[in-house]
Amino acid sequence: QAIYEQYLDGKGNWKLCHFFEDGHIEINSENPFYLIDNNRFKFDHLSYDSMESLIEEVFSTYLDEMTSTDDIFCLAMHVLHHDMLEKLFEKRKTILSFYQNRLELFEDPELKSLIRNTNYCIVDSKHKISMLEDYAEKKLPIVDITPFDTRADFGISQQLTVQNILVPIDTIEQSKFEELIVLFASYFEMNETARIHFFTRNANWDRVDSVLNFTKEVLKVNGLDERLARKETNDKAEFDLDEEKKVPIKFFVDQCVDELSISKCIREQRIMVDVTSRPDLYLQISCISSAIPQIVSFNTQYVHDGKNGFIVKEVSEVLNGLKYYLDNITNWNKCMIYSYELGKEYNTASLIRKWKGVMKQVEQD
């Protein structure tokens, strides 16, 4: 078991030592200095109770020496550091950003004080505005600005002989997942060209196998052909060629761990079905960029019901959405046109304009 961890300088000499048992830090007395923008400063102490107290000292020095009181700081909120931010930025101009699921992390009074005293708050979708104001118990200077911009890229789904359906599964409830699998299996009987692509950001080496095995088990329990979810293979053994030809693979797993692989994946999709408990903002913006319909179970400003997708309350309602967009090219084209217009609200120029508006407001405070 590790006892301590040393941090070294460029020449291999230890600078500070972090002891794991009680978390305290020892500074090398022969070289008790640190650099900020090539300016050398001396640590106030040779021993610290925790890494947090050491970071707070260095951060405080940075603020005092390298910044002015007129500077505006955009602080990405996180439970690991908001206590420190409350102390260090008490008399400074701040913008707090609450992106993705960070609203769920906060329960303590220090954060409430930080929110109440900030100059501005940024969230990534409109529905979070009321949540943040309810938490702070006051009306806030707040605006929604997505961290991702739209870029018109209509993809290649129309050029493919199959209709790919993207289905995010990382935060899906098991009961909904099972219901979806059975629903898709029944939809294949109406649409032979449909293919399901389960989308996951999970990088575990066995992720693809575990998802396919779960899918096969659900198919088997429901009396359906589990070969629909067998794994792709390059094995062309003669004895199983004829048999497998009769049952094409319909369930696939797309394991995407970075934005580049996600973008490549999205370009080949015909529609997205997302009934997870937590919306994936990057996927939603990517769908607008690629002008593909979205069937979702949550209400955000990125999906306008009946325009660029449908908002469903029950998994069973997904089937009507699939029929509406995949059985009729006219409906799909209407979505493409609407998505293109909607995307203008979230392009780079629009987002920069919003940020400039916030900055101007804070400067005037």
Protein backbone atom coordinates (compact mmCIF):
# COMPACT_ATOMS: atom_id res chain seq x y z
CA GLN A 1 0.00 0.00 0.00
CA ALA A 2 1.33 3.43 -0.94
CA ILE A 3 2.60 5.51 2.01
CA TYR A 4 3.50 8.79 0.32
CA GLU A 5 3.79 10.47 -3.05
CA GLN A 6 6.60 12.85 -4.01
CA TYR A 7 6.41 15.69 -6.51
CA LEU A 8 9.70 16.40 -8.30
CA ASP A 9 11.15 19.41 -10.07
CA GLY A 10 12.64 19.36 -13.58
CA LYS A 11 15.96 18.03 -12.25
CA GLY A 12 14.43 15.15 -10.33
CA ASN A 13 14.75 16.73 -6.86
CA TRP A 14 11.70 16.34 -4.63
CA LYS A 15 9.73 19.54 -4.12
CA LEU A 16 6.94 18.34 -1.84
CA CYS A 17 5.85 15.06 -0.29
CA HIS A 18 2.22 14.06 0.26
CA PHE A 19 1.70 11.52 3.08
CA PHE A 20 -1.45 9.44 2.59
CA GLU A 21 -2.11 8.32 6.18
CA ASP A 22 -3.14 11.76 7.46
CA GLY A 23 -2.97 13.75 4.19
CA HIS A 24 -0.33 16.24 5.36
CA ILE A 25 2.31 17.79 3.05
CA GLU A 26 6.04 18.30 3.71
CA ILE A 27 7.99 20.90 1.69
CA ASN A 28 11.69 20.41 0.86
CA SER A 29 13.43 23.02 3.05
CA GLU A 30 16.38 23.20 0.62
CA ASN A 31 14.10 24.35 -2.21
CA PRO A 32 10.89 25.85 -0.74
CA PHE A 33 9.86 27.82 -3.83
CA TYR A 34 7.22 27.62 -6.54
CA LEU A 35 6.80 29.41 -9.87
CA ILE A 36 3.87 31.36 -11.27
CA ASP A 37 4.48 32.65 -14.79
CA ASN A 38 8.26 32.32 -14.17
CA ASN A 39 8.02 34.46 -11.01
CA ARG A 40 9.44 32.74 -7.93
CA PHE A 41 7.54 32.69 -4.63
CA LYS A 42 8.36 31.04 -1.30
CA PHE A 43 5.96 28.74 0.51
CA ASP A 44 4.70 30.28 3.76
CA HIS A 45 5.24 27.03 5.62
CA LEU A 46 7.28 23.82 5.39
CA SER A 47 4.32 21.68 6.43
CA TYR A 48 0.62 21.77 5.50
CA ASP A 49 -2.32 19.84 6.94
CA SER A 50 -3.69 18.98 3.50
CA MET A 51 -3.18 19.41 -0.23
CA GLU A 52 -6.19 21.75 -0.25
CA SER A 53 -4.52 24.23 2.11
CA LEU A 54 -1.35 24.26 -0.01
CA ILE A 55 -3.34 24.80 -3.23
CA GLU A 56 -5.29 27.58 -1.56
CA GLU A 57 -2.07 29.41 -0.65
CA VAL A 58 -0.61 29.15 -4.16
CA PHE A 59 -3.93 30.12 -5.75
CA SER A 60 -4.25 33.11 -3.42
CA THR A 61 -0.74 34.25 -4.36
CA TYR A 62 -1.65 33.98 -8.03
CA LEU A 63 -4.75 36.13 -7.55
CA ASP A 64 -2.89 38.78 -5.52
CA GLU A 65 0.19 39.00 -7.72
CA MET A 66 -1.01 38.25 -11.25
CA THR A 67 -4.55 39.65 -11.46
CA SER A 68 -6.39 42.91 -10.80
CA THR A 69 -9.63 43.52 -8.92
CA ASP A 70 -11.31 44.45 -12.21
CA ASP A 71 -10.69 41.01 -13.75
CA ILE A 72 -13.69 38.75 -14.34
CA PHE A 73 -13.33 35.08 -13.43
CA CYS A 74 -15.40 32.30 -14.96
CA LEU A 75 -15.54 29.49 -12.41
CA ALA A 76 -16.53 25.97 -13.46
CA MET A 77 -18.45 24.76 -10.44
CA HIS A 78 -17.51 21.45 -8.84
CA VAL A 79 -17.95 19.95 -5.38
CA LEU A 80 -14.16 19.47 -5.07
CA HIS A 81 -13.37 23.16 -4.94
CA HIS A 82 -16.36 25.40 -4.35
CA ASP A 83 -15.50 25.89 -0.66
CA MET A 84 -12.13 27.33 -1.67
CA LEU A 85 -13.70 29.52 -4.34
CA GLU A 86 -16.06 30.99 -1.78
CA LYS A 87 -13.09 32.25 0.27
CA LEU A 88 -10.82 33.39 -2.56
CA PHE A 89 -13.35 35.16 -4.79
CA GLU A 90 -15.50 36.83 -2.16
CA LYS A 91 -14.66 40.37 -3.38
CA ARG A 92 -14.07 39.62 -7.06
CA LYS A 93 -16.27 39.62 -10.15
CA THR A 94 -17.32 36.09 -10.98
CA ILE A 95 -19.36 34.08 -13.46
CA LEU A 96 -20.33 30.61 -12.23
CA SER A 97 -20.87 27.89 -14.83
CA PHE A 98 -23.07 24.89 -14.04
CA TYR A 99 -22.75 22.46 -16.93
CA GLN A 100 -24.03 18.91 -17.33
CA ASN A 101 -25.04 17.23 -14.04
CA ARG A 102 -23.21 19.56 -11.65
CA LEU A 103 -26.41 20.88 -10.10
CA GLU A 104 -26.84 17.52 -8.39
CA LEU A 105 -23.61 17.85 -6.40
CA PHE A 106 -24.42 20.70 -4.09
CA GLU A 107 -26.05 20.57 -0.69
CA ASP A 108 -24.02 22.84 1.61
CA PRO A 109 -24.57 26.49 2.65
CA GLU A 110 -21.17 27.69 1.36
CA LEU A 111 -22.27 27.08 -2.20
CA LYS A 112 -25.56 28.88 -1.64
CA SER A 113 -23.63 31.94 -0.47
CA LEU A 114 -21.33 31.75 -3.50
CA ILE A 115 -24.29 31.63 -5.90
CA ARG A 116 -26.10 34.50 -4.19
CA ASN A 117 -23.05 36.77 -4.40
CA THR A 118 -21.91 36.01 -7.93
CA ASN A 119 -22.32 38.49 -10.78
CA TYR A 120 -23.75 35.93 -13.21
CA CYS A 121 -24.60 32.23 -13.58
CA ILE A 122 -24.38 30.15 -16.75
CA VAL A 123 -26.26 26.88 -17.28
CA ASP A 124 -26.38 24.65 -20.35
CA SER A 125 -30.15 24.39 -20.77
CA LYS A 126 -33.21 26.49 -19.91
CA HIS A 127 -34.84 23.98 -17.54
CA LYS A 128 -31.91 24.34 -15.11
CA ILE A 129 -32.55 28.07 -14.56
CA SER A 130 -35.51 27.53 -12.23
CA MET A 131 -33.68 24.68 -10.46
CA LEU A 132 -30.74 26.94 -9.62
CA GLU A 133 -32.96 29.82 -8.52
CA ASP A 134 -35.00 27.50 -6.29
CA TYR A 135 -31.77 26.29 -4.68
CA ALA A 136 -30.44 29.85 -4.14
CA GLU A 137 -33.90 30.98 -2.98
CA LYS A 138 -33.65 34.19 -4.99
CA LYS A 139 -33.89 35.58 -8.51
CA LEU A 140 -30.47 35.33 -10.18
CA PRO A 141 -28.68 37.00 -13.10
CA ILE A 142 -28.64 33.81 -15.17
CA VAL A 143 -28.63 32.69 -18.79
CA ASP A 144 -28.41 29.39 -20.65
CA ILE A 145 -25.46 28.98 -23.03
CA THR A 146 -24.63 25.58 -24.45
CA PRO A 147 -20.93 24.62 -24.24
CA PHE A 148 -21.17 23.03 -27.70
CA ASP A 149 -21.77 24.83 -30.96
CA THR A 150 -23.73 23.51 -33.93
CA ARG A 151 -22.05 23.00 -37.28
CA ALA A 152 -24.10 22.10 -40.32
CA ASP A 153 -23.04 18.56 -41.25
CA PHE A 154 -25.94 16.58 -42.65
CA GLY A 155 -24.15 13.25 -42.54
CA ILE A 156 -24.42 10.29 -44.88
CA SER A 157 -27.43 8.40 -43.51
CA GLN A 158 -29.41 9.00 -46.73
CA GLN A 159 -26.68 7.29 -48.73
CA LEU A 160 -26.85 4.05 -46.70
CA THR A 161 -29.01 1.04 -47.54
CA VAL A 162 -29.93 0.64 -43.85
CA GLN A 163 -31.61 2.99 -41.38
CA ASN A 164 -29.45 3.30 -38.27
CA ILE A 165 -31.17 4.16 -34.99
CA LEU A 166 -28.86 5.56 -32.29
CA VAL A 167 -29.82 4.59 -28.72
CA PRO A 168 -27.79 5.98 -25.76
CA ILE A 169 -27.75 3.46 -22.90
CA ASP A 170 -25.22 4.59 -20.26
CA THR A 171 -27.81 6.00 -17.83
CA ILE A 172 -30.85 4.03 -18.96
CA GLU A 173 -33.04 2.20 -16.43
CA GLN A 174 -32.88 -1.56 -16.89
CA SER A 175 -36.65 -1.92 -17.22
CA LYS A 176 -36.71 0.70 -19.99
CA PHE A 177 -33.76 -0.96 -21.70
CA GLU A 178 -35.55 -4.32 -21.74
CA GLU A 179 -38.75 -2.71 -23.02
CA LEU A 180 -36.84 -0.95 -25.81
CA ILE A 181 -35.13 -4.15 -26.96
CA VAL A 182 -38.48 -5.93 -27.31
CA LEU A 183 -40.00 -2.88 -29.05
CA PHE A 184 -37.15 -2.73 -31.58
CA ALA A 185 -37.41 -6.45 -32.27
CA SER A 186 -41.08 -6.01 -33.17
CA TYR A 187 -40.27 -2.94 -35.29
CA PHE A 188 -37.83 -5.00 -37.40
CA GLU A 189 -40.85 -6.92 -38.70
CA MET A 190 -42.25 -3.64 -40.10
CA ASN A 191 -38.93 -2.20 -41.26
CA GLU A 192 -36.31 -4.68 -42.48
CA THR A 193 -33.72 -1.96 -43.09
CA ALA A 194 -33.71 -0.73 -39.45
CA ARG A 195 -30.55 -1.31 -37.38
CA ILE A 196 -30.11 -0.46 -33.69
CA HIS A 197 -26.83 1.09 -32.55
CA PHE A 198 -26.54 1.16 -28.76
CA PHE A 199 -24.38 4.18 -27.90
CA THR A 200 -21.99 4.06 -24.94
CA ARG A 201 -19.14 6.23 -23.66
CA ASN A 202 -18.08 3.44 -21.30
CA ALA A 203 -14.52 2.43 -22.24
CA ASN A 204 -14.45 -0.92 -20.39
CA TRP A 205 -12.86 -3.67 -22.49
CA ASP A 206 -15.88 -5.97 -22.07
CA ARG A 207 -18.55 -3.29 -22.57
CA VAL A 208 -19.59 -4.40 -26.08
CA ASP A 209 -19.88 -8.06 -25.07
CA SER A 210 -21.86 -7.30 -21.90
CA VAL A 211 -24.39 -5.14 -23.78
CA LEU A 212 -24.85 -7.72 -26.54
CA ASN A 213 -25.16 -10.56 -24.01
CA PHE A 214 -27.80 -8.61 -22.09
CA THR A 215 -29.68 -7.95 -25.35
CA LYS A 216 -29.56 -11.63 -26.30
CA GLU A 217 -30.85 -12.64 -22.88
CA VAL A 218 -33.81 -10.24 -23.15
CA LEU A 219 -34.61 -11.52 -26.66
CA LYS A 220 -34.42 -15.12 -25.48
CA VAL A 221 -36.68 -14.56 -22.44
CA ASN A 222 -39.27 -12.93 -24.72
CA GLY A 223 -39.20 -15.77 -27.25
CA LEU A 224 -37.32 -13.72 -29.88
CA ASP A 225 -34.34 -14.69 -32.01
CA GLU A 226 -31.22 -13.92 -29.99
CA ARG A 227 -29.06 -14.16 -33.14
CA LEU A 228 -30.24 -10.62 -33.94
CA ALA A 229 -27.69 -9.46 -31.36
CA ARG A 230 -24.78 -11.79 -32.08
CA LYS A 231 -21.34 -10.25 -32.33
CA GLU A 232 -19.92 -9.34 -35.73
CA THR A 233 -17.15 -11.68 -36.83
CA ASN A 234 -14.79 -12.11 -39.75
CA ASP A 235 -15.03 -15.87 -39.47
CA LYS A 236 -16.50 -17.15 -42.77
CA ALA A 237 -16.72 -20.83 -41.91
CA GLU A 238 -18.78 -22.60 -44.58
CA PHE A 239 -20.90 -24.66 -42.21
CA ASP A 240 -22.64 -21.61 -40.67
CA LEU A 241 -22.81 -19.31 -43.68
CA ASP A 242 -26.20 -20.45 -44.95
CA GLU A 243 -27.77 -20.49 -41.50
CA GLU A 244 -26.52 -17.02 -40.46
CA LYS A 245 -27.51 -15.44 -43.78
CA LYS A 246 -31.14 -15.98 -42.88
CA VAL A 247 -30.84 -13.86 -39.70
CA PRO A 248 -28.93 -10.61 -40.25
CA ILE A 249 -27.45 -8.83 -37.23
CA LYS A 250 -29.79 -6.03 -36.15
CA PHE A 251 -28.28 -4.92 -32.80
CA PHE A 252 -24.85 -3.26 -32.66
CA VAL A 253 -22.85 -1.45 -29.96
CA ASP A 254 -20.99 1.79 -30.76
CA GLN A 255 -18.35 2.39 -28.09
CA CYS A 256 -17.41 6.08 -28.47
CA VAL A 257 -14.98 7.51 -25.92
CA ASP A 258 -14.10 10.83 -27.57
CA GLU A 259 -15.87 13.56 -29.55
CA LEU A 260 -14.22 12.54 -32.84
CA SER A 261 -15.62 9.00 -32.70
CA ILE A 262 -19.02 10.38 -31.62
CA SER A 263 -19.09 12.75 -34.59
CA LYS A 264 -18.23 9.91 -37.00
CA CYS A 265 -20.94 7.73 -35.44
CA ILE A 266 -23.64 10.45 -35.60
CA ARG A 267 -23.05 11.04 -39.32
CA GLU A 268 -24.27 7.50 -40.09
CA GLN A 269 -27.44 7.66 -37.95
CA ARG A 270 -30.95 8.19 -39.28
CA ILE A 271 -32.59 9.02 -35.94
CA MET A 272 -31.80 9.08 -32.21
CA VAL A 273 -33.93 7.49 -29.48
CA ASP A 274 -32.89 8.64 -25.99
CA VAL A 275 -35.06 7.55 -23.05
CA THR A 276 -32.25 7.73 -20.47
CA SER A 277 -32.60 9.53 -17.16
CA ARG A 278 -29.97 12.14 -18.01
CA PRO A 279 -29.83 13.92 -21.40
CA ASP A 280 -26.50 13.91 -23.24
CA LEU A 281 -26.13 17.52 -24.36
CA TYR A 282 -23.33 16.84 -26.82
CA LEU A 283 -25.45 14.20 -28.56
CA GLN A 284 -28.44 16.53 -28.76
CA ILE A 285 -26.39 19.34 -30.32
CA SER A 286 -24.74 16.85 -32.69
CA CYS A 287 -28.17 15.64 -33.83
CA ILE A 288 -29.18 19.23 -34.61
CA SER A 289 -25.92 19.68 -36.55
CA SER A 290 -26.56 16.49 -38.52
CA ALA A 291 -30.26 17.37 -38.90
CA ILE A 292 -31.54 14.04 -37.62
CA PRO A 293 -34.76 13.60 -35.58
CA GLN A 294 -34.62 12.97 -31.82
CA ILE A 295 -37.12 10.93 -29.82
CA VAL A 296 -36.46 11.79 -26.17
CA SER A 297 -38.12 11.41 -22.78
CA PHE A 298 -37.12 14.80 -21.35
CA ASN A 299 -38.02 18.35 -22.23
CA THR A 300 -35.13 20.63 -23.29
CA GLN A 301 -34.90 23.55 -25.70
CA TYR A 302 -32.94 21.38 -28.15
CA VAL A 303 -35.91 19.18 -29.07
CA HIS A 304 -39.10 20.91 -30.24
CA ASP A 305 -41.94 18.42 -30.07
CA GLY A 306 -43.32 17.55 -33.51
CA LYS A 307 -40.64 19.63 -35.26
CA ASN A 308 -37.17 18.10 -34.95
CA GLY A 309 -38.37 15.16 -32.89
CA PHE A 310 -40.86 13.94 -30.30
CA ILE A 311 -40.94 14.05 -26.52
CA VAL A 312 -42.37 10.76 -25.21
CA LYS A 313 -43.60 9.81 -21.74
CA GLU A 314 -43.69 6.06 -22.26
CA VAL A 315 -41.31 3.73 -24.11
CA SER A 316 -44.24 2.39 -26.11
CA GLU A 317 -44.66 5.84 -27.74
CA VAL A 318 -41.23 5.45 -29.40
CA LEU A 319 -42.78 3.19 -32.04
CA ASN A 320 -45.01 5.95 -33.45
CA GLY A 321 -42.01 8.29 -33.67
CA LEU A 322 -40.01 5.69 -35.60
CA LYS A 323 -42.86 5.15 -38.05
CA TYR A 324 -43.36 8.91 -38.48
CA TYR A 325 -39.75 9.64 -39.44
CA LEU A 326 -38.48 6.40 -40.97
CA ASP A 327 -41.51 5.33 -42.99
CA ASN A 328 -41.98 8.75 -44.59
CA ILE A 329 -39.09 10.66 -46.19
CA THR A 330 -41.23 13.84 -46.31
CA ASN A 331 -41.42 13.99 -42.50
CA TRP A 332 -37.70 13.30 -42.23
CA ASN A 333 -36.92 16.12 -44.69
CA LYS A 334 -39.12 18.55 -42.73
CA CYS A 335 -37.08 17.72 -39.65
CA MET A 336 -33.85 18.35 -41.57
CA ILE A 337 -35.00 21.83 -42.62
CA TYR A 338 -36.21 22.68 -39.10
CA SER A 339 -32.95 21.44 -37.53
CA TYR A 340 -30.95 23.60 -39.91
CA GLU A 341 -32.87 26.71 -38.80
CA LEU A 342 -32.71 25.71 -35.12
CA GLY A 343 -28.96 25.21 -35.41
CA LYS A 344 -28.48 28.91 -36.16
CA GLU A 345 -29.41 29.67 -32.54
CA TYR A 346 -26.48 27.62 -31.29
CA ASN A 347 -23.72 28.29 -33.83
CA THR A 348 -20.37 29.77 -32.80
CA ALA A 349 -21.30 33.39 -33.58
CA SER A 350 -24.50 33.14 -31.55
CA LEU A 351 -22.75 31.65 -28.50
CA ILE A 352 -19.97 34.27 -28.60
CA ARG A 353 -22.63 36.99 -28.80
CA LYS A 354 -24.28 35.59 -25.66
CA TRP A 355 -20.97 35.41 -23.79
CA LYS A 356 -20.12 39.00 -24.75
CA GLY A 357 -23.51 40.09 -23.40
CA VAL A 358 -22.76 38.42 -20.06
CA MET A 359 -19.27 39.96 -19.89
CA LYS A 360 -20.64 43.42 -20.62
CA GLN A 361 -23.25 43.07 -17.91
CA VAL A 362 -20.67 41.93 -15.34
CA GLU A 363 -18.32 44.79 -16.24
CA GLN A 364 -21.12 47.27 -15.55
CA ASP A 365 -21.98 45.76 -12.13
